[in-house]
């Protein structure tokens, strides 16, 4: 399937008037077609089922390069699956997208695809750690969003606990960051972790909570009794 063919299939699901609302909401200058997430999900599910891994990576690359909002979401969704063999090309492609992140919706979809690749090979955390030192705010934020699976483990193995503590170290480095999206990402990570490992979140907030923005601290503690 070519990029043009994929775009034509996407355009068949345009909802009149939706594009203007999306552009106003996301506030990033690019083309918005006006397609719902469920429609994109249906299309990309079909593409995942019918295309080879190599073709999926190629199509995702091409769709991303169009810089069309829905095409970038579709690019990420094509690669969002646990089983992907070989997966190194997909991981390399996802990494290449990170410096171009400029909106939470696109970044979060790409990070969801990246989460699958990290779970498949946790040694890739070493690469993600480098993102925490980036001058690019969205790259720093991505380091926490892409590692969210480590907040959701009920019975983590010792290695996973080690990774969890490592990421909490990154979050600790972020608490003085004034960027709203960085503060929100710290709160998101802590809030999700509190459902599965409340003592670690309590300890984090006891040590660093006073340095967090009030909204972030409140959000992080949302599920703590």
N, C-alpha and C. Protein backbone atom coordinates (compact mmCIF):
# COMPACT_ATOMS: atom_id res chain seq x y z
N UNK A 1 0.84 -1.19 0.00
CA UNK A 1 0.00 0.00 0.00
C UNK A 1 0.88 1.26 0.00
N UNK A 2 0.56 2.19 -0.85
CA UNK A 2 1.31 3.44 -0.90
C UNK A 2 0.73 4.44 0.11
N UNK A 3 1.49 5.47 0.37
CA UNK A 3 1.02 6.52 1.26
C UNK A 3 -0.22 7.19 0.68
N UNK A 4 -0.21 7.44 -0.62
CA UNK A 4 -1.37 8.08 -1.26
C UNK A 4 -2.62 7.22 -1.12
N UNK A 5 -2.46 5.91 -1.25
CA UNK A 5 -3.61 5.02 -1.10
C UNK A 5 -4.13 5.03 0.34
N UNK A 6 -3.21 5.06 1.29
CA UNK A 6 -3.62 5.11 2.69
C UNK A 6 -4.33 6.43 3.00
N UNK A 7 -3.81 7.53 2.47
CA UNK A 7 -4.45 8.82 2.69
C UNK A 7 -5.85 8.85 2.08
N UNK A 8 -5.99 8.24 0.92
CA UNK A 8 -7.31 8.20 0.29
C UNK A 8 -8.30 7.43 1.15
N UNK A 9 -7.85 6.35 1.76
CA UNK A 9 -8.73 5.60 2.66
C UNK A 9 -9.08 6.42 3.89
N UNK A 10 -8.10 7.15 4.42
CA UNK A 10 -8.38 8.02 5.56
C UNK A 10 -9.40 9.09 5.19
N UNK A 11 -9.24 9.69 4.04
CA UNK A 11 -10.12 10.80 3.64
C UNK A 11 -11.56 10.36 3.42
N UNK A 12 -11.77 9.08 3.22
CA UNK A 12 -13.14 8.58 3.07
C UNK A 12 -13.93 8.67 4.39
N UNK A 13 -13.22 8.96 5.50
CA UNK A 13 -13.86 9.01 6.81
C UNK A 13 -13.89 10.42 7.39
N UNK A 14 -13.68 11.41 6.56
CA UNK A 14 -13.72 12.79 7.02
C UNK A 14 -15.13 13.15 7.50
N UNK A 15 -15.19 13.78 8.67
CA UNK A 15 -16.45 14.29 9.20
C UNK A 15 -16.48 15.80 8.96
N UNK A 16 -17.46 16.27 8.25
CA UNK A 16 -17.54 17.68 7.89
C UNK A 16 -17.54 18.56 9.13
N UNK A 17 -16.68 19.57 9.13
CA UNK A 17 -16.62 20.52 10.23
C UNK A 17 -15.69 20.12 11.37
N UNK A 18 -15.25 18.87 11.37
CA UNK A 18 -14.42 18.39 12.47
C UNK A 18 -12.99 18.95 12.40
N UNK A 19 -12.49 19.16 11.19
CA UNK A 19 -11.10 19.61 11.04
C UNK A 19 -10.86 20.96 11.71
N UNK A 20 -11.77 21.90 11.54
CA UNK A 20 -11.60 23.22 12.14
C UNK A 20 -11.56 23.13 13.67
N UNK A 21 -12.40 22.29 14.22
CA UNK A 21 -12.41 22.12 15.67
C UNK A 21 -11.11 21.51 16.17
N UNK A 22 -10.59 20.53 15.42
CA UNK A 22 -9.33 19.89 15.82
C UNK A 22 -8.18 20.87 15.76
N UNK A 23 -8.15 21.69 14.71
CA UNK A 23 -7.09 22.68 14.57
C UNK A 23 -7.13 23.69 15.72
N UNK A 24 -8.33 24.12 16.08
CA UNK A 24 -8.48 25.08 17.17
C UNK A 24 -8.09 24.46 18.51
N UNK A 25 -8.39 23.19 18.67
CA UNK A 25 -8.12 22.52 19.95
C UNK A 25 -6.63 22.25 20.14
N UNK A 26 -5.97 21.73 19.10
CA UNK A 26 -4.57 21.33 19.24
C UNK A 26 -3.60 22.50 19.07
N UNK A 27 -4.03 23.53 18.39
CA UNK A 27 -3.26 24.79 18.31
C UNK A 27 -1.84 24.61 17.74
N UNK A 28 -1.69 23.67 16.82
CA UNK A 28 -0.42 23.49 16.11
C UNK A 28 -0.72 23.58 14.62
N UNK A 29 0.04 24.39 13.92
CA UNK A 29 -0.23 24.62 12.50
C UNK A 29 0.16 23.41 11.67
N UNK A 30 -0.84 22.68 11.20
CA UNK A 30 -0.65 21.57 10.26
C UNK A 30 -2.01 21.24 9.66
N UNK A 31 -2.05 20.38 8.71
CA UNK A 31 -3.32 19.98 8.08
C UNK A 31 -4.07 19.02 9.01
N UNK A 32 -5.35 19.30 9.21
CA UNK A 32 -6.25 18.42 9.97
C UNK A 32 -7.35 17.99 9.01
N UNK A 33 -7.57 16.69 8.91
CA UNK A 33 -8.58 16.19 7.98
C UNK A 33 -9.97 16.15 8.62
N UNK A 34 -10.02 15.90 9.92
CA UNK A 34 -11.31 15.78 10.59
C UNK A 34 -11.82 14.36 10.60
N UNK A 35 -11.03 13.44 11.17
CA UNK A 35 -11.38 12.02 11.22
C UNK A 35 -11.35 11.57 12.67
N UNK A 36 -12.32 10.78 13.08
CA UNK A 36 -12.40 10.35 14.47
C UNK A 36 -11.37 9.25 14.76
N UNK A 37 -11.02 9.15 16.02
CA UNK A 37 -10.09 8.10 16.44
C UNK A 37 -10.62 6.69 16.14
N UNK A 38 -11.90 6.40 16.39
CA UNK A 38 -12.39 5.05 16.07
C UNK A 38 -12.22 4.70 14.59
N UNK A 39 -12.43 5.66 13.70
CA UNK A 39 -12.25 5.39 12.27
C UNK A 39 -10.78 5.12 11.95
N UNK A 40 -9.88 5.89 12.57
CA UNK A 40 -8.45 5.64 12.36
C UNK A 40 -8.07 4.28 12.92
N UNK A 41 -8.63 3.95 14.08
CA UNK A 41 -8.36 2.64 14.69
C UNK A 41 -8.77 1.50 13.76
N UNK A 42 -9.95 1.61 13.17
CA UNK A 42 -10.44 0.55 12.28
C UNK A 42 -9.53 0.37 11.07
N UNK A 43 -9.12 1.48 10.47
CA UNK A 43 -8.26 1.41 9.30
C UNK A 43 -6.90 0.81 9.65
N UNK A 44 -6.30 1.30 10.71
CA UNK A 44 -4.96 0.83 11.05
C UNK A 44 -4.97 -0.62 11.53
N UNK A 45 -6.04 -1.04 12.16
CA UNK A 45 -6.16 -2.45 12.53
C UNK A 45 -6.14 -3.33 11.29
N UNK A 46 -6.87 -2.90 10.26
CA UNK A 46 -6.90 -3.65 9.00
C UNK A 46 -5.51 -3.66 8.36
N UNK A 47 -4.83 -2.52 8.38
CA UNK A 47 -3.49 -2.47 7.78
C UNK A 47 -2.52 -3.37 8.53
N UNK A 48 -2.61 -3.40 9.85
CA UNK A 48 -1.72 -4.28 10.63
C UNK A 48 -1.95 -5.74 10.27
N UNK A 49 -3.19 -6.07 9.99
CA UNK A 49 -3.54 -7.47 9.71
C UNK A 49 -3.16 -7.90 8.30
N UNK A 50 -3.03 -6.95 7.39
CA UNK A 50 -2.83 -7.30 5.98
C UNK A 50 -1.44 -6.98 5.44
N UNK A 51 -0.67 -6.14 6.14
CA UNK A 51 0.64 -5.75 5.64
C UNK A 51 1.74 -6.46 6.39
N UNK A 52 2.84 -6.71 5.74
CA UNK A 52 4.01 -7.27 6.41
C UNK A 52 4.59 -6.24 7.37
N UNK A 53 5.43 -6.69 8.28
CA UNK A 53 6.07 -5.78 9.21
C UNK A 53 6.87 -4.73 8.45
N UNK A 54 7.61 -5.17 7.45
CA UNK A 54 8.41 -4.23 6.65
C UNK A 54 7.54 -3.18 6.00
N UNK A 55 6.40 -3.61 5.45
CA UNK A 55 5.50 -2.67 4.78
C UNK A 55 4.83 -1.73 5.79
N UNK A 56 4.55 -2.24 6.99
CA UNK A 56 3.95 -1.39 8.01
C UNK A 56 4.90 -0.28 8.42
N UNK A 57 6.16 -0.64 8.61
CA UNK A 57 7.16 0.37 8.99
C UNK A 57 7.31 1.41 7.88
N UNK A 58 7.35 0.93 6.64
CA UNK A 58 7.49 1.84 5.51
C UNK A 58 6.29 2.78 5.40
N UNK A 59 5.09 2.24 5.57
CA UNK A 59 3.88 3.06 5.48
C UNK A 59 3.83 4.06 6.64
N UNK A 60 4.20 3.61 7.83
CA UNK A 60 4.21 4.51 8.99
C UNK A 60 5.18 5.66 8.76
N UNK A 61 6.33 5.36 8.19
CA UNK A 61 7.32 6.39 7.89
C UNK A 61 6.74 7.41 6.90
N UNK A 62 6.12 6.91 5.86
CA UNK A 62 5.56 7.80 4.85
C UNK A 62 4.42 8.65 5.37
N UNK A 63 3.53 8.05 6.16
CA UNK A 63 2.41 8.81 6.72
C UNK A 63 2.90 9.89 7.68
N UNK A 64 3.89 9.56 8.48
CA UNK A 64 4.44 10.56 9.41
C UNK A 64 4.99 11.75 8.66
N UNK A 65 5.68 11.49 7.58
CA UNK A 65 6.34 12.57 6.83
C UNK A 65 5.35 13.52 6.16
N UNK A 66 4.09 13.13 6.03
CA UNK A 66 3.10 14.05 5.45
C UNK A 66 2.81 15.22 6.39
N UNK A 67 3.05 15.03 7.68
CA UNK A 67 2.75 16.01 8.73
C UNK A 67 1.26 16.33 8.82
N UNK A 68 0.41 15.46 8.30
CA UNK A 68 -1.03 15.58 8.48
C UNK A 68 -1.38 14.98 9.84
N UNK A 69 -2.19 15.65 10.62
CA UNK A 69 -2.48 15.22 11.98
C UNK A 69 -2.94 13.76 12.03
N UNK A 70 -3.99 13.44 11.30
CA UNK A 70 -4.52 12.08 11.36
C UNK A 70 -3.57 11.06 10.76
N UNK A 71 -2.76 11.48 9.80
CA UNK A 71 -1.78 10.57 9.22
C UNK A 71 -0.70 10.22 10.24
N UNK A 72 -0.31 11.19 11.05
CA UNK A 72 0.68 10.90 12.09
C UNK A 72 0.09 9.99 13.17
N UNK A 73 -1.18 10.20 13.52
CA UNK A 73 -1.81 9.28 14.46
C UNK A 73 -1.85 7.87 13.87
N UNK A 74 -2.20 7.77 12.60
CA UNK A 74 -2.26 6.46 11.94
C UNK A 74 -0.89 5.81 11.89
N UNK A 75 0.14 6.60 11.64
CA UNK A 75 1.50 6.06 11.60
C UNK A 75 1.85 5.39 12.92
N UNK A 76 1.50 6.06 14.02
CA UNK A 76 1.78 5.48 15.34
C UNK A 76 0.94 4.24 15.58
N UNK A 77 -0.33 4.29 15.22
CA UNK A 77 -1.23 3.16 15.47
C UNK A 77 -0.82 1.92 14.68
N UNK A 78 -0.27 2.10 13.50
CA UNK A 78 0.19 0.96 12.70
C UNK A 78 1.24 0.16 13.46
N UNK A 79 2.03 0.85 14.28
CA UNK A 79 3.14 0.21 14.98
C UNK A 79 2.81 -0.12 16.44
N UNK A 80 1.57 0.13 16.86
CA UNK A 80 1.19 -0.12 18.25
C UNK A 80 0.67 -1.54 18.40
N UNK A 81 1.59 -2.46 18.64
CA UNK A 81 1.23 -3.85 18.87
C UNK A 81 2.36 -4.54 19.60
N UNK A 82 2.00 -5.51 20.41
CA UNK A 82 3.01 -6.18 21.24
C UNK A 82 3.95 -7.04 20.41
N UNK A 83 3.39 -7.85 19.52
CA UNK A 83 4.21 -8.75 18.71
C UNK A 83 4.57 -8.09 17.39
N UNK A 84 5.85 -7.88 17.21
CA UNK A 84 6.34 -7.24 15.99
C UNK A 84 7.74 -7.79 15.74
N UNK A 85 7.86 -8.67 14.76
CA UNK A 85 9.14 -9.32 14.50
C UNK A 85 9.50 -9.20 13.03
N UNK A 86 10.68 -8.63 12.75
CA UNK A 86 11.61 -7.99 13.70
C UNK A 86 11.09 -6.62 14.10
N UNK A 87 11.50 -6.16 15.27
CA UNK A 87 10.96 -4.88 15.73
C UNK A 87 11.99 -3.75 15.77
N UNK A 88 13.26 -4.06 15.48
CA UNK A 88 14.28 -3.01 15.52
C UNK A 88 13.98 -1.85 14.57
N UNK A 89 13.55 -2.11 13.32
CA UNK A 89 13.24 -0.99 12.43
C UNK A 89 12.10 -0.10 12.97
N UNK A 90 11.10 -0.74 13.59
CA UNK A 90 10.00 0.05 14.16
C UNK A 90 10.50 0.91 15.31
N UNK A 91 11.34 0.35 16.16
CA UNK A 91 11.89 1.12 17.28
C UNK A 91 12.73 2.28 16.79
N UNK A 92 13.54 2.03 15.77
CA UNK A 92 14.36 3.11 15.22
C UNK A 92 13.50 4.22 14.64
N UNK A 93 12.41 3.83 13.98
CA UNK A 93 11.52 4.83 13.39
C UNK A 93 10.84 5.66 14.49
N UNK A 94 10.34 4.99 15.51
CA UNK A 94 9.68 5.71 16.60
C UNK A 94 10.65 6.69 17.26
N UNK A 95 11.89 6.26 17.48
CA UNK A 95 12.89 7.16 18.04
C UNK A 95 13.10 8.39 17.15
N UNK A 96 13.07 8.18 15.85
CA UNK A 96 13.32 9.30 14.92
C UNK A 96 12.20 10.33 14.97
N UNK A 97 11.02 9.92 15.43
CA UNK A 97 9.89 10.85 15.51
C UNK A 97 9.98 11.80 16.71
N UNK A 98 10.65 11.36 17.75
CA UNK A 98 10.60 12.08 19.03
C UNK A 98 11.01 13.54 18.92
N UNK A 99 12.11 13.88 18.22
CA UNK A 99 12.49 15.30 18.14
C UNK A 99 11.46 16.17 17.43
N UNK A 100 10.53 15.55 16.71
CA UNK A 100 9.51 16.32 15.99
C UNK A 100 8.21 16.46 16.78
N UNK A 101 8.14 15.88 17.96
CA UNK A 101 6.93 16.01 18.77
C UNK A 101 6.64 17.49 19.04
N UNK A 102 5.38 17.86 18.83
CA UNK A 102 4.98 19.25 19.10
C UNK A 102 3.56 19.35 19.61
N UNK A 103 2.92 18.22 19.85
CA UNK A 103 1.57 18.23 20.41
C UNK A 103 1.38 16.97 21.23
N UNK A 104 0.58 17.07 22.28
CA UNK A 104 0.44 15.94 23.19
C UNK A 104 -0.24 14.75 22.51
N UNK A 105 -1.20 15.00 21.63
CA UNK A 105 -1.93 13.89 21.02
C UNK A 105 -1.02 13.04 20.14
N UNK A 106 -0.25 13.67 19.29
CA UNK A 106 0.66 12.94 18.42
C UNK A 106 1.74 12.26 19.26
N UNK A 107 2.29 13.00 20.22
CA UNK A 107 3.34 12.44 21.07
C UNK A 107 2.84 11.22 21.84
N UNK A 108 1.62 11.31 22.38
CA UNK A 108 1.11 10.20 23.19
C UNK A 108 0.86 8.96 22.34
N UNK A 109 0.34 9.14 21.13
CA UNK A 109 0.13 7.99 20.26
C UNK A 109 1.46 7.34 19.87
N UNK A 110 2.44 8.14 19.56
CA UNK A 110 3.76 7.59 19.22
C UNK A 110 4.37 6.88 20.42
N UNK A 111 4.19 7.45 21.61
CA UNK A 111 4.73 6.83 22.81
C UNK A 111 4.02 5.51 23.12
N UNK A 112 2.75 5.40 22.80
CA UNK A 112 2.06 4.13 23.01
C UNK A 112 2.67 3.03 22.15
N UNK A 113 3.05 3.39 20.92
CA UNK A 113 3.75 2.43 20.07
C UNK A 113 5.12 2.11 20.68
N UNK A 114 5.79 3.14 21.18
CA UNK A 114 7.10 2.93 21.78
C UNK A 114 7.05 2.09 23.05
N UNK A 115 5.96 2.20 23.81
CA UNK A 115 5.82 1.40 25.02
C UNK A 115 5.92 -0.09 24.71
N UNK A 116 5.32 -0.52 23.63
CA UNK A 116 5.37 -1.94 23.25
C UNK A 116 6.79 -2.38 22.96
N UNK A 117 7.56 -1.51 22.37
CA UNK A 117 8.94 -1.85 22.02
C UNK A 117 9.83 -1.87 23.27
N UNK A 118 9.53 -1.04 24.25
CA UNK A 118 10.29 -1.06 25.49
C UNK A 118 10.00 -2.32 26.29
N UNK A 119 8.74 -2.71 26.34
CA UNK A 119 8.39 -3.94 27.04
C UNK A 119 9.04 -5.14 26.36
N UNK A 120 9.11 -5.10 25.02
CA UNK A 120 9.75 -6.19 24.29
C UNK A 120 11.24 -6.27 24.57
N UNK A 121 11.87 -5.11 24.79
CA UNK A 121 13.31 -5.07 25.06
C UNK A 121 13.60 -3.93 26.04
N UNK A 122 13.53 -4.21 27.35
CA UNK A 122 13.73 -3.16 28.35
C UNK A 122 15.11 -2.51 28.33
N UNK A 123 16.09 -3.11 27.68
CA UNK A 123 17.40 -2.46 27.61
C UNK A 123 17.32 -1.14 26.84
N UNK A 124 16.26 -0.95 26.09
CA UNK A 124 16.08 0.29 25.35
C UNK A 124 15.83 1.47 26.28
N UNK A 125 15.57 1.19 27.56
CA UNK A 125 15.44 2.26 28.55
C UNK A 125 16.70 3.12 28.57
N UNK A 126 17.84 2.53 28.26
CA UNK A 126 19.09 3.30 28.24
C UNK A 126 19.00 4.46 27.24
N UNK A 127 18.40 4.19 26.09
CA UNK A 127 18.21 5.23 25.09
C UNK A 127 17.25 6.30 25.59
N UNK A 128 16.15 5.87 26.21
CA UNK A 128 15.14 6.80 26.70
C UNK A 128 15.72 7.72 27.76
N UNK A 129 16.62 7.19 28.58
CA UNK A 129 17.20 8.03 29.63
C UNK A 129 17.91 9.25 29.05
N UNK A 130 18.47 9.10 27.86
CA UNK A 130 19.13 10.24 27.22
C UNK A 130 18.14 11.36 26.91
N UNK A 131 16.88 11.00 26.70
CA UNK A 131 15.87 12.00 26.39
C UNK A 131 15.65 12.96 27.55
N UNK A 132 15.89 12.50 28.76
CA UNK A 132 15.60 13.32 29.93
C UNK A 132 16.49 14.56 30.00
N UNK A 133 17.58 14.57 29.25
CA UNK A 133 18.52 15.70 29.26
C UNK A 133 18.33 16.61 28.05
N UNK A 134 17.33 16.34 27.24
CA UNK A 134 17.12 17.10 26.02
C UNK A 134 16.66 18.53 26.31
N UNK A 135 17.02 19.45 25.41
CA UNK A 135 16.51 20.81 25.48
C UNK A 135 15.08 20.91 24.94
N UNK A 136 14.63 19.87 24.28
CA UNK A 136 13.31 19.81 23.67
C UNK A 136 12.31 19.29 24.70
N UNK A 137 11.37 20.16 25.10
CA UNK A 137 10.45 19.81 26.17
C UNK A 137 9.68 18.53 25.87
N UNK A 138 9.22 18.35 24.63
CA UNK A 138 8.42 17.17 24.29
C UNK A 138 9.24 15.89 24.37
N UNK A 139 10.54 15.98 24.12
CA UNK A 139 11.40 14.81 24.26
C UNK A 139 11.53 14.44 25.74
N UNK A 140 11.73 15.44 26.59
CA UNK A 140 11.81 15.16 28.02
C UNK A 140 10.51 14.52 28.51
N UNK A 141 9.40 15.08 28.09
CA UNK A 141 8.10 14.53 28.49
C UNK A 141 7.93 13.10 28.02
N UNK A 142 8.39 12.82 26.80
CA UNK A 142 8.22 11.48 26.22
C UNK A 142 8.89 10.41 27.07
N UNK A 143 9.98 10.76 27.76
CA UNK A 143 10.67 9.78 28.58
C UNK A 143 9.76 9.20 29.65
N UNK A 144 8.86 10.01 30.20
CA UNK A 144 7.92 9.50 31.19
C UNK A 144 6.71 8.83 30.56
N UNK A 145 6.21 9.38 29.47
CA UNK A 145 5.01 8.81 28.85
C UNK A 145 5.31 7.43 28.27
N UNK A 146 6.46 7.26 27.67
CA UNK A 146 6.78 5.99 27.01
C UNK A 146 7.08 4.89 28.03
N UNK A 147 7.38 5.27 29.27
CA UNK A 147 7.70 4.28 30.31
C UNK A 147 6.53 4.02 31.25
N UNK A 148 5.35 4.49 30.93
CA UNK A 148 4.18 4.29 31.80
C UNK A 148 3.87 2.82 32.10
N UNK A 149 4.20 1.86 31.23
CA UNK A 149 3.91 0.47 31.60
C UNK A 149 4.52 0.05 32.93
N UNK A 150 5.62 0.68 33.34
CA UNK A 150 6.23 0.31 34.61
C UNK A 150 5.47 0.84 35.81
N UNK A 151 4.47 1.67 35.57
CA UNK A 151 3.60 2.11 36.67
C UNK A 151 2.46 1.13 36.90
N UNK A 152 2.20 0.26 35.96
CA UNK A 152 0.99 -0.54 35.97
C UNK A 152 1.21 -1.99 36.40
N UNK A 153 2.41 -2.34 36.79
CA UNK A 153 2.73 -3.73 37.13
C UNK A 153 2.33 -4.03 38.58
N UNK A 154 1.45 -5.01 38.76
CA UNK A 154 1.02 -5.38 40.12
C UNK A 154 2.07 -6.21 40.84
N UNK A 155 2.74 -7.08 40.11
CA UNK A 155 3.76 -7.95 40.71
C UNK A 155 5.06 -7.84 39.93
N UNK A 156 5.69 -6.69 40.01
CA UNK A 156 6.90 -6.49 39.21
C UNK A 156 8.05 -7.39 39.67
N UNK A 157 8.84 -7.83 38.71
CA UNK A 157 10.04 -8.59 39.01
C UNK A 157 11.11 -7.64 39.54
N UNK A 158 12.14 -8.17 40.20
CA UNK A 158 13.19 -7.29 40.73
C UNK A 158 13.76 -6.34 39.69
N UNK A 159 13.94 -6.82 38.45
CA UNK A 159 14.45 -5.95 37.40
C UNK A 159 13.48 -4.82 37.09
N UNK A 160 12.19 -5.12 37.14
CA UNK A 160 11.19 -4.08 36.87
C UNK A 160 11.15 -3.05 38.00
N UNK A 161 11.36 -3.50 39.23
CA UNK A 161 11.41 -2.56 40.34
C UNK A 161 12.62 -1.65 40.19
N UNK A 162 13.72 -2.22 39.73
CA UNK A 162 14.92 -1.42 39.49
C UNK A 162 14.65 -0.36 38.42
N UNK A 163 13.95 -0.75 37.35
CA UNK A 163 13.61 0.21 36.30
C UNK A 163 12.65 1.26 36.83
N UNK A 164 11.67 0.83 37.63
CA UNK A 164 10.71 1.76 38.21
C UNK A 164 11.42 2.82 39.04
N UNK A 165 12.36 2.39 39.87
CA UNK A 165 13.09 3.35 40.69
C UNK A 165 13.98 4.27 39.84
N UNK A 166 14.51 3.71 38.78
CA UNK A 166 15.33 4.51 37.87
C UNK A 166 14.50 5.63 37.26
N UNK A 167 13.29 5.32 36.83
CA UNK A 167 12.42 6.33 36.22
C UNK A 167 11.95 7.35 37.26
N UNK A 168 11.72 6.90 38.49
CA UNK A 168 11.38 7.85 39.55
C UNK A 168 12.52 8.84 39.76
N UNK A 169 13.74 8.39 39.52
CA UNK A 169 14.88 9.31 39.57
C UNK A 169 14.79 10.38 38.51
N UNK A 170 14.33 10.00 37.33
CA UNK A 170 14.14 11.01 36.28
C UNK A 170 13.07 12.01 36.72
N UNK A 171 11.97 11.46 37.27
CA UNK A 171 10.88 12.33 37.72
C UNK A 171 11.37 13.31 38.78
N UNK A 172 12.25 12.84 39.65
CA UNK A 172 12.80 13.72 40.68
C UNK A 172 13.59 14.86 40.05
N UNK A 173 14.27 14.57 38.95
CA UNK A 173 15.02 15.62 38.25
C UNK A 173 14.08 16.62 37.57
N UNK A 174 12.84 16.21 37.35
CA UNK A 174 11.88 17.06 36.65
C UNK A 174 11.10 17.99 37.58
N UNK A 175 11.14 17.76 38.88
CA UNK A 175 10.20 18.48 39.75
C UNK A 175 10.41 20.00 39.75
N UNK A 176 11.59 20.44 39.40
CA UNK A 176 11.85 21.88 39.34
C UNK A 176 11.65 22.46 37.94
N UNK A 177 11.26 21.62 37.00
CA UNK A 177 11.03 22.08 35.63
C UNK A 177 9.74 22.89 35.59
N UNK A 178 9.77 24.13 35.11
CA UNK A 178 8.57 24.97 35.14
C UNK A 178 7.54 24.65 34.06
N UNK A 179 7.93 23.85 33.07
CA UNK A 179 7.00 23.55 31.96
C UNK A 179 5.78 22.80 32.47
N UNK A 180 4.59 23.28 32.09
CA UNK A 180 3.34 22.66 32.53
C UNK A 180 3.28 21.20 32.11
N UNK A 181 3.65 20.91 30.87
CA UNK A 181 3.55 19.54 30.37
C UNK A 181 4.53 18.60 31.08
N UNK A 182 5.65 19.11 31.54
CA UNK A 182 6.59 18.28 32.30
C UNK A 182 6.02 17.99 33.69
N UNK A 183 5.51 19.01 34.34
CA UNK A 183 4.87 18.81 35.64
C UNK A 183 3.71 17.82 35.52
N UNK A 184 2.93 17.96 34.46
CA UNK A 184 1.79 17.06 34.24
C UNK A 184 2.26 15.63 34.02
N UNK A 185 3.39 15.46 33.32
CA UNK A 185 3.89 14.10 33.07
C UNK A 185 4.38 13.45 34.36
N UNK A 186 5.00 14.22 35.24
CA UNK A 186 5.41 13.68 36.54
C UNK A 186 4.19 13.25 37.33
N UNK A 187 3.18 14.10 37.36
CA UNK A 187 1.95 13.78 38.08
C UNK A 187 1.28 12.55 37.50
N UNK A 188 1.25 12.43 36.20
CA UNK A 188 0.63 11.29 35.51
C UNK A 188 1.34 10.00 35.92
N UNK A 189 2.68 10.03 35.89
CA UNK A 189 3.45 8.83 36.24
C UNK A 189 3.19 8.43 37.68
N UNK A 190 3.23 9.39 38.58
CA UNK A 190 3.00 9.10 39.99
C UNK A 190 1.57 8.64 40.26
N UNK A 191 0.61 9.30 39.65
CA UNK A 191 -0.79 8.94 39.86
C UNK A 191 -1.06 7.50 39.44
N UNK A 192 -0.54 7.11 38.26
CA UNK A 192 -0.74 5.74 37.80
C UNK A 192 -0.01 4.74 38.70
N UNK A 193 1.19 5.11 39.13
CA UNK A 193 1.95 4.23 40.01
C UNK A 193 1.26 4.05 41.36
N UNK A 194 0.58 5.08 41.84
CA UNK A 194 -0.04 5.02 43.16
C UNK A 194 -1.10 3.92 43.25
N UNK A 195 -1.66 3.50 42.11
CA UNK A 195 -2.67 2.43 42.11
C UNK A 195 -2.04 1.07 42.37
N UNK A 196 -0.73 0.96 42.17
CA UNK A 196 -0.05 -0.33 42.26
C UNK A 196 1.09 -0.35 43.27
N UNK A 197 1.60 0.82 43.61
CA UNK A 197 2.74 0.91 44.53
C UNK A 197 2.65 2.24 45.28
N UNK A 198 1.63 2.37 46.10
CA UNK A 198 1.39 3.63 46.81
C UNK A 198 2.56 4.05 47.70
N UNK A 199 3.23 3.13 48.40
CA UNK A 199 4.33 3.58 49.27
C UNK A 199 5.42 4.34 48.53
N UNK A 200 5.74 3.93 47.32
CA UNK A 200 6.77 4.65 46.58
C UNK A 200 6.32 6.06 46.23
N UNK A 201 5.05 6.21 45.91
CA UNK A 201 4.54 7.55 45.57
C UNK A 201 4.49 8.42 46.81
N UNK A 202 4.07 7.87 47.93
CA UNK A 202 4.06 8.63 49.18
C UNK A 202 5.47 9.10 49.52
N UNK A 203 6.44 8.21 49.37
CA UNK A 203 7.83 8.57 49.67
C UNK A 203 8.33 9.67 48.74
N UNK A 204 7.96 9.56 47.46
CA UNK A 204 8.37 10.57 46.49
C UNK A 204 7.78 11.93 46.85
N UNK A 205 6.50 11.95 47.15
CA UNK A 205 5.83 13.22 47.46
C UNK A 205 6.34 13.81 48.78
N UNK A 206 6.66 12.93 49.73
CA UNK A 206 7.23 13.44 50.99
C UNK A 206 8.56 14.15 50.74
N UNK A 207 9.34 13.62 49.78
CA UNK A 207 10.66 14.19 49.52
C UNK A 207 10.63 15.37 48.56
N UNK A 208 9.77 15.27 47.53
CA UNK A 208 9.82 16.26 46.45
C UNK A 208 8.53 17.06 46.26
N UNK A 209 7.46 16.68 46.95
CA UNK A 209 6.16 17.30 46.69
C UNK A 209 6.14 18.80 46.83
N UNK A 210 6.89 19.34 47.79
CA UNK A 210 6.89 20.79 48.01
C UNK A 210 7.51 21.55 46.84
N UNK A 211 8.27 20.85 46.00
CA UNK A 211 8.92 21.51 44.86
C UNK A 211 8.08 21.39 43.58
N UNK A 212 7.02 20.59 43.63
CA UNK A 212 6.16 20.43 42.47
C UNK A 212 5.13 21.55 42.42
N UNK A 213 4.62 21.82 41.22
CA UNK A 213 3.52 22.77 41.11
C UNK A 213 2.32 22.22 41.87
N UNK A 214 1.53 23.07 42.53
CA UNK A 214 0.40 22.57 43.33
C UNK A 214 -0.55 21.67 42.54
N UNK A 215 -0.86 22.01 41.29
CA UNK A 215 -1.78 21.18 40.51
C UNK A 215 -1.20 19.79 40.27
N UNK A 216 0.13 19.73 40.06
CA UNK A 216 0.78 18.45 39.80
C UNK A 216 0.82 17.60 41.06
N UNK A 217 1.14 18.21 42.16
CA UNK A 217 1.17 17.47 43.42
C UNK A 217 -0.21 16.92 43.76
N UNK A 218 -1.24 17.73 43.56
CA UNK A 218 -2.62 17.29 43.84
C UNK A 218 -3.01 16.14 42.92
N UNK A 219 -2.65 16.24 41.65
CA UNK A 219 -3.00 15.20 40.69
C UNK A 219 -2.26 13.91 41.00
N UNK A 220 -0.99 14.02 41.39
CA UNK A 220 -0.20 12.84 41.71
C UNK A 220 -0.79 12.07 42.88
N UNK A 221 -1.37 12.79 43.84
CA UNK A 221 -1.91 12.17 45.06
C UNK A 221 -3.39 11.80 44.93
N UNK A 222 -3.95 11.91 43.76
CA UNK A 222 -5.40 11.73 43.58
C UNK A 222 -5.93 10.43 44.15
N UNK A 223 -5.20 9.33 44.00
CA UNK A 223 -5.70 8.03 44.44
C UNK A 223 -5.09 7.55 45.76
N UNK A 224 -4.36 8.42 46.41
CA UNK A 224 -3.81 8.07 47.72
C UNK A 224 -4.85 8.35 48.80
N UNK A 225 -5.01 7.45 49.72
CA UNK A 225 -6.02 7.64 50.77
C UNK A 225 -5.48 8.55 51.86
